[in-house]
Amino acid sequence: QLFWEKRLQGLSASDVSEEILKSMELPKGLQGVGPGSTAETLLAAVASALHSGAAPITGQLSAAAEKNPAVWLNTAQPLCRAFAVTDDDIRKQEERVQQVRKKLEEALMADVVSR
């Protein structure tokens, strides 16, 4: 199916208490292409592309894909406009990872102390 991501629209992940988990926030430069494209649909497409292939994700390189994605779609790429990851993007992500690791370390230490 060409627009398979649409089947996942409206579904959300939940935790063990059945509380809906907040969806990831995508970078502003990552914009969907295609009919009824939403952030959740785009997230599913990008996650699937990362999981299922070893090729780099570049998005839809053809400008014609925005006009008629049913005809000009590169099926090896997710339904998003072409994008580039900059060194600044990588640096910001590394900082976020370090912050989360620090929070995790603090939580684990607090758990050890409480036991």
C-alpha atoms as a PDB file:
ATOM      1  CA  GLN A   1       0.000   0.000   0.000  1.00  0.00           C
ATOM      2  CA  LEU A   2       1.426   3.348  -1.039  1.00  0.00           C
ATOM      3  CA  PHE A   3       0.253   5.410   1.944  1.00  0.00           C
ATOM      4  CA  TRP A   4       0.461   2.649   4.576  1.00  0.00           C
ATOM      5  CA  GLU A   5       1.209   5.159   7.341  1.00  0.00           C
ATOM      6  CA  LYS A   6      -2.400   6.372   7.129  1.00  0.00           C
ATOM      7  CA  ARG A   7      -3.524   3.041   8.676  1.00  0.00           C
ATOM      8  CA  LEU A   8      -1.692   3.982  11.892  1.00  0.00           C
ATOM      9  CA  GLN A   9      -3.360   7.388  12.125  1.00  0.00           C
ATOM     10  CA  GLY A  10      -5.187   7.887  15.402  1.00  0.00           C
ATOM     11  CA  LEU A  11      -3.331   5.111  17.259  1.00  0.00           C
ATOM     12  CA  SER A  12      -1.228   6.021  20.291  1.00  0.00           C
ATOM     13  CA  ALA A  13       1.127   4.208  22.633  1.00  0.00           C
ATOM     14  CA  SER A  14       0.144   3.872  26.289  1.00  0.00           C
ATOM     15  CA  ASP A  15       1.846   2.818  29.503  1.00  0.00           C
ATOM     16  CA  VAL A  16       0.807  -0.030  31.826  1.00  0.00           C
ATOM     17  CA  SER A  17      -1.823   2.177  33.463  1.00  0.00           C
ATOM     18  CA  GLU A  18      -3.286   2.796  29.978  1.00  0.00           C
ATOM     19  CA  GLU A  19      -2.309   6.466  30.075  1.00  0.00           C
ATOM     20  CA  ILE A  20      -1.471   7.740  26.586  1.00  0.00           C
ATOM     21  CA  LEU A  21       2.211   8.563  26.174  1.00  0.00           C
ATOM     22  CA  LYS A  22       3.240  11.903  24.739  1.00  0.00           C
ATOM     23  CA  SER A  23       4.385  11.640  21.137  1.00  0.00           C
ATOM     24  CA  MET A  24       7.922  12.567  20.157  1.00  0.00           C
ATOM     25  CA  GLU A  25       8.554  16.071  18.939  1.00  0.00           C
ATOM     26  CA  LEU A  26      10.008  16.084  15.447  1.00  0.00           C
ATOM     27  CA  PRO A  27      12.516  18.692  14.270  1.00  0.00           C
ATOM     28  CA  LYS A  28      10.968  21.728  12.590  1.00  0.00           C
ATOM     29  CA  GLY A  29      12.843  21.007   9.355  1.00  0.00           C
ATOM     30  CA  LEU A  30      11.099  17.653   8.969  1.00  0.00           C
ATOM     31  CA  GLN A  31       7.848  18.287   7.082  1.00  0.00           C
ATOM     32  CA  GLY A  32       5.428  15.734   5.736  1.00  0.00           C
ATOM     33  CA  VAL A  33       4.382  15.271   2.120  1.00  0.00           C
ATOM     34  CA  GLY A  34       1.209  13.636   0.936  1.00  0.00           C
ATOM     35  CA  PRO A  35      -2.498  13.588   1.631  1.00  0.00           C
ATOM     36  CA  GLY A  36      -3.463  14.371   5.233  1.00  0.00           C
ATOM     37  CA  SER A  37       0.107  14.269   6.470  1.00  0.00           C
ATOM     38  CA  THR A  38       0.368  14.689  10.253  1.00  0.00           C
ATOM     39  CA  ALA A  39       3.295  14.669  12.687  1.00  0.00           C
ATOM     40  CA  GLU A  40       2.235  11.223  13.957  1.00  0.00           C
ATOM     41  CA  THR A  41       2.112   9.822  10.420  1.00  0.00           C
ATOM     42  CA  LEU A  42       5.509  11.293   9.643  1.00  0.00           C
ATOM     43  CA  LEU A  43       6.966   9.862  12.845  1.00  0.00           C
ATOM     44  CA  ALA A  44       5.712   6.382  11.915  1.00  0.00           C
ATOM     45  CA  ALA A  45       7.202   6.691   8.418  1.00  0.00           C
ATOM     46  CA  VAL A  46      10.605   7.873   9.658  1.00  0.00           C
ATOM     47  CA  ALA A  47      10.749   5.239  12.414  1.00  0.00           C
ATOM     48  CA  SER A  48       9.886   2.527   9.917  1.00  0.00           C
ATOM     49  CA  ALA A  49      12.528   3.744   7.453  1.00  0.00           C
ATOM     50  CA  LEU A  50      15.175   3.771  10.197  1.00  0.00           C
ATOM     51  CA  HIS A  51      14.184   0.296  11.338  1.00  0.00           C
ATOM     52  CA  SER A  52      13.787  -1.450   8.004  1.00  0.00           C
ATOM     53  CA  GLY A  53      16.691  -0.211   5.935  1.00  0.00           C
ATOM     54  CA  ALA A  54      20.368   0.619   6.065  1.00  0.00           C
ATOM     55  CA  ALA A  55      20.140   3.370   3.445  1.00  0.00           C
ATOM     56  CA  PRO A  56      20.284   7.000   4.595  1.00  0.00           C
ATOM     57  CA  ILE A  57      16.993   8.851   4.929  1.00  0.00           C
ATOM     58  CA  THR A  58      16.878  11.902   2.691  1.00  0.00           C
ATOM     59  CA  GLY A  59      13.143  12.378   2.204  1.00  0.00           C
ATOM     60  CA  GLN A  60      11.394  12.911  -1.108  1.00  0.00           C
ATOM     61  CA  LEU A  61      13.952  14.585  -3.350  1.00  0.00           C
ATOM     62  CA  SER A  62      11.604  15.249  -6.245  1.00  0.00           C
ATOM     63  CA  ALA A  63       9.675  18.527  -6.019  1.00  0.00           C
ATOM     64  CA  ALA A  64       6.967  16.821  -8.078  1.00  0.00           C
ATOM     65  CA  ALA A  65       6.240  14.523  -5.101  1.00  0.00           C
ATOM     66  CA  GLU A  66       4.655  17.478  -3.315  1.00  0.00           C
ATOM     67  CA  LYS A  67       2.275  18.070  -6.219  1.00  0.00           C
ATOM     68  CA  ASN A  68       1.240  14.454  -6.695  1.00  0.00           C
ATOM     69  CA  PRO A  69       2.860  11.969  -4.301  1.00  0.00           C
ATOM     70  CA  ALA A  70       0.846   9.077  -5.733  1.00  0.00           C
ATOM     71  CA  VAL A  71       2.786   9.423  -9.002  1.00  0.00           C
ATOM     72  CA  TRP A  72       6.208  10.836  -8.091  1.00  0.00           C
ATOM     73  CA  LEU A  73       6.838   9.044  -4.815  1.00  0.00           C
ATOM     74  CA  ASN A  74      10.179   7.434  -3.992  1.00  0.00           C
ATOM     75  CA  THR A  75       8.901   4.432  -2.013  1.00  0.00           C
ATOM     76  CA  ALA A  76      12.345   3.850  -0.449  1.00  0.00           C
ATOM     77  CA  GLN A  77      12.037   7.152   1.449  1.00  0.00           C
ATOM     78  CA  PRO A  78       9.504   8.315   4.057  1.00  0.00           C
ATOM     79  CA  LEU A  79       6.779  10.790   3.111  1.00  0.00           C
ATOM     80  CA  CYS A  80       8.665  13.954   4.019  1.00  0.00           C
ATOM     81  CA  ARG A  81      10.313  16.807   2.182  1.00  0.00           C
ATOM     82  CA  ALA A  82      14.023  16.501   1.542  1.00  0.00           C
ATOM     83  CA  PHE A  83      16.087  17.597   4.550  1.00  0.00           C
ATOM     84  CA  ALA A  84      19.662  17.736   5.774  1.00  0.00           C
ATOM     85  CA  VAL A  85      21.025  17.169   9.267  1.00  0.00           C
ATOM     86  CA  THR A  86      23.531  19.842  10.267  1.00  0.00           C
ATOM     87  CA  ASP A  87      26.415  19.668  12.727  1.00  0.00           C
ATOM     88  CA  ASP A  88      24.431  22.018  14.971  1.00  0.00           C
ATOM     89  CA  ASP A  89      21.509  19.552  14.987  1.00  0.00           C
ATOM     90  CA  ILE A  90      23.854  16.753  16.016  1.00  0.00           C
ATOM     91  CA  ARG A  91      25.433  18.869  18.771  1.00  0.00           C
ATOM     92  CA  LYS A  92      22.014  19.795  20.190  1.00  0.00           C
ATOM     93  CA  GLN A  93      20.934  16.155  20.184  1.00  0.00           C
ATOM     94  CA  GLU A  94      24.145  15.103  21.937  1.00  0.00           C
ATOM     95  CA  GLU A  95      23.456  17.706  24.647  1.00  0.00           C
ATOM     96  CA  ARG A  96      19.905  16.387  25.114  1.00  0.00           C
ATOM     97  CA  VAL A  97      21.205  12.824  25.425  1.00  0.00           C
ATOM     98  CA  GLN A  98      23.734  13.889  28.059  1.00  0.00           C
ATOM     99  CA  GLN A  99      21.011  15.684  30.056  1.00  0.00           C
ATOM    100  CA  VAL A 100      18.733  12.639  29.981  1.00  0.00           C
ATOM    101  CA  ARG A 101      21.603  10.338  30.980  1.00  0.00           C
ATOM    102  CA  LYS A 102      22.362  12.615  33.934  1.00  0.00           C
ATOM    103  CA  LYS A 103      18.703  12.516  35.038  1.00  0.00           C
ATOM    104  CA  LEU A 104      18.683   8.728  34.723  1.00  0.00           C
ATOM    105  CA  GLU A 105      21.874   8.460  36.766  1.00  0.00           C
ATOM    106  CA  GLU A 106      20.366  10.665  39.494  1.00  0.00           C
ATOM    107  CA  ALA A 107      17.163   8.596  39.557  1.00  0.00           C
ATOM    108  CA  LEU A 108      19.113   5.336  39.806  1.00  0.00           C
ATOM    109  CA  MET A 109      21.288   6.723  42.596  1.00  0.00           C
ATOM    110  CA  ALA A 110      18.194   7.914  44.489  1.00  0.00           C
ATOM    111  CA  ASP A 111      16.698   4.430  44.121  1.00  0.00           C
ATOM    112  CA  VAL A 112      19.871   2.780  45.454  1.00  0.00           C
ATOM    113  CA  VAL A 113      19.985   5.167  48.419  1.00  0.00           C
ATOM    114  CA  SER A 114      16.302   4.580  49.244  1.00  0.00           C
ATOM    115  CA  ARG A 115      16.843   0.811  49.404  1.00  0.00           C
END
